[in-house]
Each structure stands twice: as structure tokens, then as C-alpha cells.
Amino acid sequence: MLALFKMISRQIIKTMEAYCVKCKAKREMVDAKEVDMKGKGGVKRKAMKGKCPKCGTTMFRIMGKA
């Protein structure tokens, strides 16, 4: 059951939508990965990092606190 949940959550992560600054439009990220960013006051923040499918620019979407 846990393996099924992990598989489903990976599929959700792969279709993450973010704003592309270069294209000035919302697009689905390609090769989206979850990363930790340094936040204010030493708090880690979760973010998704991927590529724009149209122009190839790196895209970020900040998710929340870790």
C-alpha cells in the first residue's frame, strides 16, 4: 500500500505547474524534483525545481515550510 502511495505521489510531482518568467505563462514543469531552500531565519523551505517544456528555462515553485 505504501509503495502504491509513493508511486502516485511521484506522478503528481511530475505534473507540477509553475510560472515561467521567460515565457510569461504558467506551464507544467519537465523533470520536476523536490528541493530544500534556505529560508529566512534558518527555516528550510520546500520547493519544486524543473524545466520549462517550451524554452528550457529553470522554473521554481515554492511549496511551503519543511
Protein backbone atom coordinates (compact mmCIF):
# COMPACT_ATOMS: atom_id res chain seq x y z
CA MET A 1 0.00 0.00 0.00
CA LEU A 2 2.83 2.39 0.87
CA ALA A 3 4.59 1.63 -2.41
CA LEU A 4 1.39 2.50 -4.30
CA PHE A 5 1.14 5.84 -2.46
CA LYS A 6 4.78 6.68 -3.29
CA MET A 7 4.19 5.83 -6.95
CA ILE A 8 1.08 8.04 -7.08
CA SER A 9 2.84 10.92 -5.31
CA ARG A 10 5.72 10.77 -7.80
CA GLN A 11 3.23 11.06 -10.67
CA ILE A 12 1.66 14.12 -9.03
CA ILE A 13 5.07 15.71 -8.59
CA LYS A 14 5.97 15.15 -12.25
CA THR A 15 2.95 17.20 -13.40
CA MET A 16 3.66 20.25 -11.23
CA GLU A 17 2.64 23.58 -12.74
CA ALA A 18 4.75 26.72 -12.27
CA TYR A 19 5.20 30.17 -13.81
CA CYS A 20 7.87 30.58 -16.48
CA VAL A 21 9.39 34.07 -16.25
CA LYS A 22 10.81 33.93 -19.77
CA CYS A 23 7.57 32.77 -21.48
CA LYS A 24 5.39 34.80 -19.04
CA ALA A 25 2.93 31.91 -18.73
CA LYS A 26 2.04 29.02 -16.43
CA ARG A 27 3.35 25.70 -17.73
CA GLU A 28 3.85 22.16 -16.46
CA MET A 29 7.44 21.56 -15.39
CA VAL A 30 9.52 18.86 -17.02
CA ASP A 31 11.78 16.73 -14.76
CA ALA A 32 10.33 18.27 -11.58
CA LYS A 33 12.24 17.47 -8.37
CA GLU A 34 11.61 18.47 -4.77
CA VAL A 35 14.43 20.54 -3.28
CA ASP A 36 15.06 22.30 0.05
CA MET A 37 15.79 26.02 0.02
CA LYS A 38 17.22 28.17 2.82
CA GLY A 39 14.54 30.44 4.21
CA LYS A 40 14.54 33.45 6.45
CA GLY A 41 15.74 32.75 9.98
CA GLY A 42 17.34 29.41 9.07
CA VAL A 43 13.99 27.74 8.27
CA LYS A 44 14.10 25.27 5.38
CA ARG A 45 11.51 25.75 2.65
CA LYS A 46 10.30 23.08 0.23
CA ALA A 47 10.29 23.92 -3.45
CA MET A 48 9.89 22.18 -6.78
CA LYS A 49 12.56 22.71 -9.42
CA GLY A 50 12.13 21.78 -13.07
CA LYS A 51 12.43 22.98 -16.65
CA CYS A 52 10.01 24.81 -18.93
CA PRO A 53 8.97 22.47 -21.78
CA LYS A 54 8.89 25.30 -24.32
CA CYS A 55 12.05 27.35 -23.67
CA GLY A 56 14.09 25.16 -21.27
CA THR A 57 14.42 27.81 -18.54
CA THR A 58 14.75 26.58 -14.94
CA MET A 59 11.47 27.01 -13.05
CA PHE A 60 10.79 27.06 -9.29
CA ARG A 61 7.61 26.71 -7.29
CA ILE A 62 7.85 27.34 -3.55
CA MET A 63 5.67 24.84 -1.69
CA GLY A 64 5.85 25.72 2.00
CA LYS A 65 7.88 25.16 5.14
CA ALA A 66 9.69 21.85 5.58
